[in-house]
Amino acid sequence: DALPSGAETAEFPASVEELSRAKPVLRAFPGWKTPLKRCRSYDALPGAARAYVAFIEEYTETPVGIVSVGYERADTFVRDDPWRI
């Protein structure tokens, strides 16, 4: 069954025709001016960055346990250690 025009779905379109009519649903988030490079914990992130991580967790129904704020190894911190008992 084809989706009606303008209908929203979380499923990937099943036909090339439906896919060609598909448009992404975008969501905008407030940004932040503070560089994240020096943040070494979740609490050190600006509020807008924490809100963005919270949205990802809610939308994907998956906790974010590791956050990276740069490309260096030291720029990644563990938010929730999965090995901690």
PDB file of N, CA and C in Angstrom:
ATOM      1  N   ASP A   1       0.842  -1.200   0.000  1.00  0.00           N
ATOM      2  CA  ASP A   1       0.000   0.000   0.000  1.00  0.00           C
ATOM      3  C   ASP A   1       0.875   1.248   0.000  1.00  0.00           C
ATOM      4  N   ALA A   2       0.607   2.132  -0.914  1.00  0.00           N
ATOM      5  CA  ALA A   2       1.357   3.383  -1.019  1.00  0.00           C
ATOM      6  C   ALA A   2       0.916   4.348   0.080  1.00  0.00           C
ATOM      7  N   LEU A   3       1.862   5.114   0.574  1.00  0.00           N
ATOM      8  CA  LEU A   3       1.548   6.136   1.565  1.00  0.00           C
ATOM      9  C   LEU A   3       0.828   7.297   0.895  1.00  0.00           C
ATOM     10  N   PRO A   4      -0.157   7.872   1.579  1.00  0.00           N
ATOM     11  CA  PRO A   4      -0.793   9.067   1.015  1.00  0.00           C
ATOM     12  C   PRO A   4       0.209  10.212   0.951  1.00  0.00           C
ATOM     13  N   SER A   5       0.026  11.114   0.019  1.00  0.00           N
ATOM     14  CA  SER A   5       0.909  12.266  -0.131  1.00  0.00           C
ATOM     15  C   SER A   5       0.934  13.075   1.157  1.00  0.00           C
ATOM     16  N   GLY A   6       2.141  13.410   1.630  1.00  0.00           N
ATOM     17  CA  GLY A   6       2.289  14.202   2.852  1.00  0.00           C
ATOM     18  C   GLY A   6       2.292  13.390   4.133  1.00  0.00           C
ATOM     19  N   ALA A   7       2.103  12.071   4.036  1.00  0.00           N
ATOM     20  CA  ALA A   7       2.096  11.223   5.229  1.00  0.00           C
ATOM     21  C   ALA A   7       3.519  11.064   5.757  1.00  0.00           C
ATOM     22  N   GLU A   8       3.646  10.982   7.077  1.00  0.00           N
ATOM     23  CA  GLU A   8       4.951  10.779   7.707  1.00  0.00           C
ATOM     24  C   GLU A   8       5.088   9.321   8.121  1.00  0.00           C
ATOM     25  N   THR A   9       6.278   8.786   7.888  1.00  0.00           N
ATOM     26  CA  THR A   9       6.544   7.403   8.259  1.00  0.00           C
ATOM     27  C   THR A   9       7.966   7.277   8.792  1.00  0.00           C
ATOM     28  N   ALA A  10       8.172   6.331   9.662  1.00  0.00           N
ATOM     29  CA  ALA A  10       9.515   6.051  10.175  1.00  0.00           C
ATOM     30  C   ALA A  10      10.151   4.913   9.384  1.00  0.00           C
ATOM     31  N   GLU A  11       9.418   4.334   8.465  1.00  0.00           N
ATOM     32  CA  GLU A  11       9.893   3.210   7.666  1.00  0.00           C
ATOM     33  C   GLU A  11      10.512   3.709   6.365  1.00  0.00           C
ATOM     34  N   PHE A  12      11.537   3.008   5.901  1.00  0.00           N
ATOM     35  CA  PHE A  12      12.140   3.349   4.610  1.00  0.00           C
ATOM     36  C   PHE A  12      11.137   3.029   3.510  1.00  0.00           C
ATOM     37  N   PRO A  13      10.925   3.934   2.543  1.00  0.00           N
ATOM     38  CA  PRO A  13       9.955   3.674   1.478  1.00  0.00           C
ATOM     39  C   PRO A  13      10.245   2.361   0.761  1.00  0.00           C
ATOM     40  N   ALA A  14       9.174   1.628   0.469  1.00  0.00           N
ATOM     41  CA  ALA A  14       9.310   0.300  -0.119  1.00  0.00           C
ATOM     42  C   ALA A  14       9.487   0.326  -1.627  1.00  0.00           C
ATOM     43  N   SER A  15       9.128   1.424  -2.261  1.00  0.00           N
ATOM     44  CA  SER A  15       9.249   1.476  -3.719  1.00  0.00           C
ATOM     45  C   SER A  15      10.084   2.682  -4.132  1.00  0.00           C
ATOM     46  N   VAL A  16      10.626   2.604  -5.325  1.00  0.00           N
ATOM     47  CA  VAL A  16      11.417   3.711  -5.869  1.00  0.00           C
ATOM     48  C   VAL A  16      10.522   4.940  -6.021  1.00  0.00           C
ATOM     49  N   GLU A  17       9.279   4.728  -6.397  1.00  0.00           N
ATOM     50  CA  GLU A  17       8.333   5.839  -6.580  1.00  0.00           C
ATOM     51  C   GLU A  17       8.105   6.562  -5.244  1.00  0.00           C
ATOM     52  N   GLU A  18       7.852   5.814  -4.184  1.00  0.00           N
ATOM     53  CA  GLU A  18       7.666   6.435  -2.870  1.00  0.00           C
ATOM     54  C   GLU A  18       8.947   7.134  -2.416  1.00  0.00           C
ATOM     55  N   LEU A  19      10.077   6.504  -2.643  1.00  0.00           N
ATOM     56  CA  LEU A  19      11.357   7.091  -2.252  1.00  0.00           C
ATOM     57  C   LEU A  19      11.604   8.410  -2.984  1.00  0.00           C
ATOM     58  N   SER A  20      11.244   8.471  -4.248  1.00  0.00           N
ATOM     59  CA  SER A  20      11.459   9.700  -5.023  1.00  0.00           C
ATOM     60  C   SER A  20      10.591  10.850  -4.508  1.00  0.00           C
ATOM     61  N   ARG A  21       9.468  10.545  -3.877  1.00  0.00           N
ATOM     62  CA  ARG A  21       8.588  11.580  -3.313  1.00  0.00           C
ATOM     63  C   ARG A  21       8.933  11.911  -1.862  1.00  0.00           C
ATOM     64  N   ALA A  22       9.767  11.111  -1.242  1.00  0.00           N
ATOM     65  CA  ALA A  22      10.067  11.287   0.185  1.00  0.00           C
ATOM     66  C   ALA A  22      10.861  12.567   0.441  1.00  0.00           C
ATOM     67  N   LYS A  23      10.575  13.185   1.569  1.00  0.00           N
ATOM     68  CA  LYS A  23      11.318  14.371   2.008  1.00  0.00           C
ATOM     69  C   LYS A  23      11.732  14.131   3.453  1.00  0.00           C
ATOM     70  N   PRO A  24      12.938  14.539   3.817  1.00  0.00           N
ATOM     71  CA  PRO A  24      13.387  14.319   5.199  1.00  0.00           C
ATOM     72  C   PRO A  24      12.630  15.220   6.174  1.00  0.00           C
ATOM     73  N   VAL A  25      12.466  14.729   7.371  1.00  0.00           N
ATOM     74  CA  VAL A  25      11.900  15.527   8.458  1.00  0.00           C
ATOM     75  C   VAL A  25      13.090  16.021   9.272  1.00  0.00           C
ATOM     76  N   LEU A  26      13.278  17.332   9.316  1.00  0.00           N
ATOM     77  CA  LEU A  26      14.432  17.919   9.987  1.00  0.00           C
ATOM     78  C   LEU A  26      14.013  18.543  11.308  1.00  0.00           C
ATOM     79  N   ARG A  27      14.931  18.551  12.238  1.00  0.00           N
ATOM     80  CA  ARG A  27      14.696  19.207  13.514  1.00  0.00           C
ATOM     81  C   ARG A  27      15.894  20.098  13.811  1.00  0.00           C
ATOM     82  N   ALA A  28      15.634  21.330  14.186  1.00  0.00           N
ATOM     83  CA  ALA A  28      16.703  22.277  14.505  1.00  0.00           C
ATOM     84  C   ALA A  28      16.939  22.299  16.008  1.00  0.00           C
ATOM     85  N   PHE A  29      18.186  22.508  16.388  1.00  0.00           N
ATOM     86  CA  PHE A  29      18.562  22.572  17.795  1.00  0.00           C
ATOM     87  C   PHE A  29      19.334  23.856  18.048  1.00  0.00           C
ATOM     88  N   PRO A  30      19.208  24.420  19.249  1.00  0.00           N
ATOM     89  CA  PRO A  30      20.029  25.591  19.576  1.00  0.00           C
ATOM     90  C   PRO A  30      21.502  25.191  19.576  1.00  0.00           C
ATOM     91  N   GLY A  31      22.337  26.076  19.115  1.00  0.00           N
ATOM     92  CA  GLY A  31      23.767  25.800  19.103  1.00  0.00           C
ATOM     93  C   GLY A  31      24.435  26.327  20.363  1.00  0.00           C
ATOM     94  N   TRP A  32      25.752  26.289  20.363  1.00  0.00           N
ATOM     95  CA  TRP A  32      26.524  26.804  21.488  1.00  0.00           C
ATOM     96  C   TRP A  32      27.797  27.419  20.947  1.00  0.00           C
ATOM     97  N   LYS A  33      28.266  28.450  21.603  1.00  0.00           N
ATOM     98  CA  LYS A  33      29.481  29.158  21.170  1.00  0.00           C
ATOM     99  C   LYS A  33      30.720  28.636  21.896  1.00  0.00           C
ATOM    100  N   THR A  34      30.534  27.900  22.963  1.00  0.00           N
ATOM    101  CA  THR A  34      31.630  27.393  23.775  1.00  0.00           C
ATOM    102  C   THR A  34      32.336  26.242  23.067  1.00  0.00           C
ATOM    103  N   PRO A  35      33.657  26.295  22.910  1.00  0.00           N
ATOM    104  CA  PRO A  35      34.375  25.151  22.331  1.00  0.00           C
ATOM    105  C   PRO A  35      34.250  23.933  23.262  1.00  0.00           C
ATOM    106  N   LEU A  36      34.046  22.778  22.682  1.00  0.00           N
ATOM    107  CA  LEU A  36      33.874  21.559  23.485  1.00  0.00           C
ATOM    108  C   LEU A  36      35.174  20.823  23.733  1.00  0.00           C
ATOM    109  N   LYS A  37      36.225  21.206  23.038  1.00  0.00           N
ATOM    110  CA  LYS A  37      37.501  20.484  23.066  1.00  0.00           C
ATOM    111  C   LYS A  37      38.023  20.222  24.481  1.00  0.00           C
ATOM    112  N   ARG A  38      37.796  21.136  25.400  1.00  0.00           N
ATOM    113  CA  ARG A  38      38.319  20.963  26.762  1.00  0.00           C
ATOM    114  C   ARG A  38      37.346  20.251  27.703  1.00  0.00           C
ATOM    115  N   CYS A  39      36.150  19.942  27.238  1.00  0.00           N
ATOM    116  CA  CYS A  39      35.175  19.252  28.089  1.00  0.00           C
ATOM    117  C   CYS A  39      35.631  17.814  28.312  1.00  0.00           C
ATOM    118  N   ARG A  40      35.704  17.412  29.549  1.00  0.00           N
ATOM    119  CA  ARG A  40      36.160  16.060  29.886  1.00  0.00           C
ATOM    120  C   ARG A  40      35.110  15.267  30.649  1.00  0.00           C
ATOM    121  N   SER A  41      33.895  15.835  30.736  1.00  0.00           N
ATOM    122  CA  SER A  41      32.784  15.126  31.370  1.00  0.00           C
ATOM    123  C   SER A  41      31.478  15.647  30.787  1.00  0.00           C
ATOM    124  N   TYR A  42      30.431  14.898  30.953  1.00  0.00           N
ATOM    125  CA  TYR A  42      29.113  15.289  30.462  1.00  0.00           C
ATOM    126  C   TYR A  42      28.664  16.590  31.121  1.00  0.00           C
ATOM    127  N   ASP A  43      28.911  16.715  32.408  1.00  0.00           N
ATOM    128  CA  ASP A  43      28.496  17.921  33.133  1.00  0.00           C
ATOM    129  C   ASP A  43      29.240  19.166  32.662  1.00  0.00           C
ATOM    130  N   ALA A  44      30.414  19.007  32.061  1.00  0.00           N
ATOM    131  CA  ALA A  44      31.182  20.144  31.567  1.00  0.00           C
ATOM    132  C   ALA A  44      30.657  20.662  30.224  1.00  0.00           C
ATOM    133  N   LEU A  45      29.819  19.883  29.551  1.00  0.00           N
ATOM    134  CA  LEU A  45      29.257  20.313  28.269  1.00  0.00           C
ATOM    135  C   LEU A  45      28.265  21.450  28.487  1.00  0.00           C
ATOM    136  N   PRO A  46      28.144  22.371  27.534  1.00  0.00           N
ATOM    137  CA  PRO A  46      27.117  23.406  27.625  1.00  0.00           C
ATOM    138  C   PRO A  46      25.721  22.765  27.647  1.00  0.00           C
ATOM    139  N   GLY A  47      24.764  23.453  28.225  1.00  0.00           N
ATOM    140  CA  GLY A  47      23.405  22.920  28.339  1.00  0.00           C
ATOM    141  C   GLY A  47      22.807  22.496  27.009  1.00  0.00           C
ATOM    142  N   ALA A  48      23.045  23.286  25.950  1.00  0.00           N
ATOM    143  CA  ALA A  48      22.495  22.939  24.637  1.00  0.00           C
ATOM    144  C   ALA A  48      23.116  21.643  24.106  1.00  0.00           C
ATOM    145  N   ALA A  49      24.377  21.404  24.381  1.00  0.00           N
ATOM    146  CA  ALA A  49      25.027  20.158  23.951  1.00  0.00           C
ATOM    147  C   ALA A  49      24.461  18.969  24.726  1.00  0.00           C
ATOM    148  N   ARG A  50      24.239  19.148  26.021  1.00  0.00           N
ATOM    149  CA  ARG A  50      23.623  18.077  26.826  1.00  0.00           C
ATOM    150  C   ARG A  50      22.200  17.790  26.335  1.00  0.00           C
ATOM    151  N   ALA A  51      21.460  18.839  25.969  1.00  0.00           N
ATOM    152  CA  ALA A  51      20.104  18.655  25.450  1.00  0.00           C
ATOM    153  C   ALA A  51      20.128  17.877  24.135  1.00  0.00           C
ATOM    154  N   TYR A  52      21.148  18.130  23.305  1.00  0.00           N
ATOM    155  CA  TYR A  52      21.284  17.415  22.044  1.00  0.00           C
ATOM    156  C   TYR A  52      21.555  15.927  22.290  1.00  0.00           C
ATOM    157  N   VAL A  53      22.441  15.633  23.218  1.00  0.00           N
ATOM    158  CA  VAL A  53      22.722  14.231  23.571  1.00  0.00           C
ATOM    159  C   VAL A  53      21.454  13.582  24.130  1.00  0.00           C
ATOM    160  N   ALA A  54      20.719  14.305  24.964  1.00  0.00           N
ATOM    161  CA  ALA A  54      19.475  13.767  25.539  1.00  0.00           C
ATOM    162  C   ALA A  54      18.462  13.458  24.430  1.00  0.00           C
ATOM    163  N   PHE A  55      18.376  14.336  23.415  1.00  0.00           N
ATOM    164  CA  PHE A  55      17.477  14.069  22.289  1.00  0.00           C
ATOM    165  C   PHE A  55      17.881  12.790  21.567  1.00  0.00           C
ATOM    166  N   ILE A  56      19.175  12.625  21.311  1.00  0.00           N
ATOM    167  CA  ILE A  56      19.651  11.414  20.628  1.00  0.00           C
ATOM    168  C   ILE A  56      19.262  10.176  21.429  1.00  0.00           C
ATOM    169  N   GLU A  57      19.450  10.231  22.744  1.00  0.00           N
ATOM    170  CA  GLU A  57      19.079   9.094  23.586  1.00  0.00           C
ATOM    171  C   GLU A  57      17.586   8.805  23.512  1.00  0.00           C
ATOM    172  N   GLU A  58      16.776   9.848  23.587  1.00  0.00           N
ATOM    173  CA  GLU A  58      15.327   9.668  23.547  1.00  0.00           C
ATOM    174  C   GLU A  58      14.873   9.160  22.184  1.00  0.00           C
ATOM    175  N   TYR A  59      15.388   9.761  21.119  1.00  0.00           N
ATOM    176  CA  TYR A  59      14.964   9.398  19.771  1.00  0.00           C
ATOM    177  C   TYR A  59      15.368   7.969  19.406  1.00  0.00           C
ATOM    178  N   THR A  60      16.568   7.568  19.803  1.00  0.00           N
ATOM    179  CA  THR A  60      17.053   6.233  19.446  1.00  0.00           C
ATOM    180  C   THR A  60      16.726   5.186  20.509  1.00  0.00           C
ATOM    181  N   GLU A  61      16.198   5.664  21.653  1.00  0.00           N
ATOM    182  CA  GLU A  61      15.905   4.771  22.784  1.00  0.00           C
ATOM    183  C   GLU A  61      17.142   3.973  23.181  1.00  0.00           C
ATOM    184  N   THR A  62      18.293   4.669  23.145  1.00  0.00           N
ATOM    185  CA  THR A  62      19.579   4.054  23.451  1.00  0.00           C
ATOM    186  C   THR A  62      20.425   5.033  24.244  1.00  0.00           C
ATOM    187  N   PRO A  63      20.976   4.616  25.374  1.00  0.00           N
ATOM    188  CA  PRO A  63      21.831   5.532  26.134  1.00  0.00           C
ATOM    189  C   PRO A  63      23.131   5.835  25.393  1.00  0.00           C
ATOM    190  N   VAL A  64      23.581   7.071  25.505  1.00  0.00           N
ATOM    191  CA  VAL A  64      24.860   7.482  24.930  1.00  0.00           C
ATOM    192  C   VAL A  64      25.894   7.346  26.035  1.00  0.00           C
ATOM    193  N   GLY A  65      26.756   6.371  25.924  1.00  0.00           N
ATOM    194  CA  GLY A  65      27.730   6.090  26.973  1.00  0.00           C
ATOM    195  C   GLY A  65      29.088   6.717  26.727  1.00  0.00           C
ATOM    196  N   ILE A  66      29.379   7.073  25.471  1.00  0.00           N
ATOM    197  CA  ILE A  66      30.675   7.643  25.116  1.00  0.00           C
ATOM    198  C   ILE A  66      30.429   8.915  24.303  1.00  0.00           C
ATOM    199  N   VAL A  67      31.117   9.992  24.677  1.00  0.00           N
ATOM    200  CA  VAL A  67      30.984  11.271  23.977  1.00  0.00           C
ATOM    201  C   VAL A  67      32.368  11.702  23.507  1.00  0.00           C
ATOM    202  N   SER A  68      32.444  12.126  22.251  1.00  0.00           N
ATOM    203  CA  SER A  68      33.695  12.628  21.702  1.00  0.00           C
ATOM    204  C   SER A  68      33.517  14.097  21.344  1.00  0.00           C
ATOM    205  N   VAL A  69      34.478  14.921  21.755  1.00  0.00           N
ATOM    206  CA  VAL A  69      34.412  16.364  21.489  1.00  0.00           C
ATOM    207  C   VAL A  69      35.563  16.822  20.589  1.00  0.00           C
ATOM    208  N   GLY A  70      36.233  15.864  19.968  1.00  0.00           N
ATOM    209  CA  GLY A  70      37.349  16.176  19.089  1.00  0.00           C
ATOM    210  C   GLY A  70      37.908  14.911  18.487  1.00  0.00           C
ATOM    211  N   TYR A  71      38.994  15.039  17.769  1.00  0.00           N
ATOM    212  CA  TYR A  71      39.564  13.884  17.068  1.00  0.00           C
ATOM    213  C   TYR A  71      40.683  13.191  17.837  1.00  0.00           C
ATOM    214  N   GLU A  72      41.185  13.801  18.894  1.00  0.00           N
ATOM    215  CA  GLU A  72      42.242  13.173  19.701  1.00  0.00           C
ATOM    216  C   GLU A  72      41.631  12.156  20.663  1.00  0.00           C
ATOM    217  N   ARG A  73      42.408  11.171  21.043  1.00  0.00           N
ATOM    218  CA  ARG A  73      41.934  10.159  21.984  1.00  0.00           C
ATOM    219  C   ARG A  73      41.477  10.796  23.292  1.00  0.00           C
ATOM    220  N   ALA A  74      42.211  11.808  23.740  1.00  0.00           N
ATOM    221  CA  ALA A  74      41.874  12.485  24.998  1.00  0.00           C
ATOM    222  C   ALA A  74      40.583  13.299  24.893  1.00  0.00           C
ATOM    223  N   ASP A  75      40.078  13.486  23.676  1.00  0.00           N
ATOM    224  CA  ASP A  75      38.854  14.257  23.458  1.00  0.00           C
ATOM    225  C   ASP A  75      37.595  13.407  23.587  1.00  0.00           C
ATOM    226  N   THR A  76      37.748  12.179  24.022  1.00  0.00           N
ATOM    227  CA  THR A  76      36.620  11.269  24.197  1.00  0.00           C
ATOM    228  C   THR A  76      36.522  10.897  25.663  1.00  0.00           C
ATOM    229  N   PHE A  77      35.315  10.978  26.196  1.00  0.00           N
ATOM    230  CA  PHE A  77      35.134  10.565  27.591  1.00  0.00           C
ATOM    231  C   PHE A  77      33.982   9.572  27.701  1.00  0.00           C
ATOM    232  N   VAL A  78      34.087   8.718  28.691  1.00  0.00           N
ATOM    233  CA  VAL A  78      33.064   7.713  28.950  1.00  0.00           C
ATOM    234  C   VAL A  78      32.060   8.315  29.919  1.00  0.00           C
ATOM    235  N   ARG A  79      30.834   8.362  29.485  1.00  0.00           N
ATOM    236  CA  ARG A  79      29.770   8.929  30.311  1.00  0.00           C
ATOM    237  C   ARG A  79      29.210   7.882  31.261  1.00  0.00           C
ATOM    238  N   ASP A  80      29.053   6.683  30.765  1.00  0.00           N
ATOM    239  CA  ASP A  80      28.520   5.597  31.573  1.00  0.00           C
ATOM    240  C   ASP A  80      29.322   4.350  31.253  1.00  0.00           C
ATOM    241  N   ASP A  81      30.178   3.960  32.161  1.00  0.00           N
ATOM    242  CA  ASP A  81      31.056   2.806  31.954  1.00  0.00           C
ATOM    243  C   ASP A  81      30.245   1.511  31.951  1.00  0.00           C
ATOM    244  N   PRO A  82      30.151   0.806  30.819  1.00  0.00           N
ATOM    245  CA  PRO A  82      29.361  -0.430  30.758  1.00  0.00           C
ATOM    246  C   PRO A  82      29.981  -1.576  31.556  1.00  0.00           C
ATOM    247  N   TRP A  83      31.236  -1.449  31.937  1.00  0.00           N
ATOM    248  CA  TRP A  83      31.924  -2.519  32.659  1.00  0.00           C
ATOM    249  C   TRP A  83      31.869  -2.326  34.171  1.00  0.00           C
ATOM    250  N   ARG A  84      31.365  -1.190  34.602  1.00  0.00           N
ATOM    251  CA  ARG A  84      31.251  -0.931  36.042  1.00  0.00           C
ATOM    252  C   ARG A  84      30.113  -1.762  36.622  1.00  0.00           C
ATOM    253  N   ILE A  85      30.377  -2.380  37.724  1.00  0.00           N
ATOM    254  CA  ILE A  85      29.357  -3.234  38.354  1.00  0.00           C
ATOM    255  C   ILE A  85      28.668  -2.481  39.470  1.00  0.00           C
TER     256      ILE A  85
END
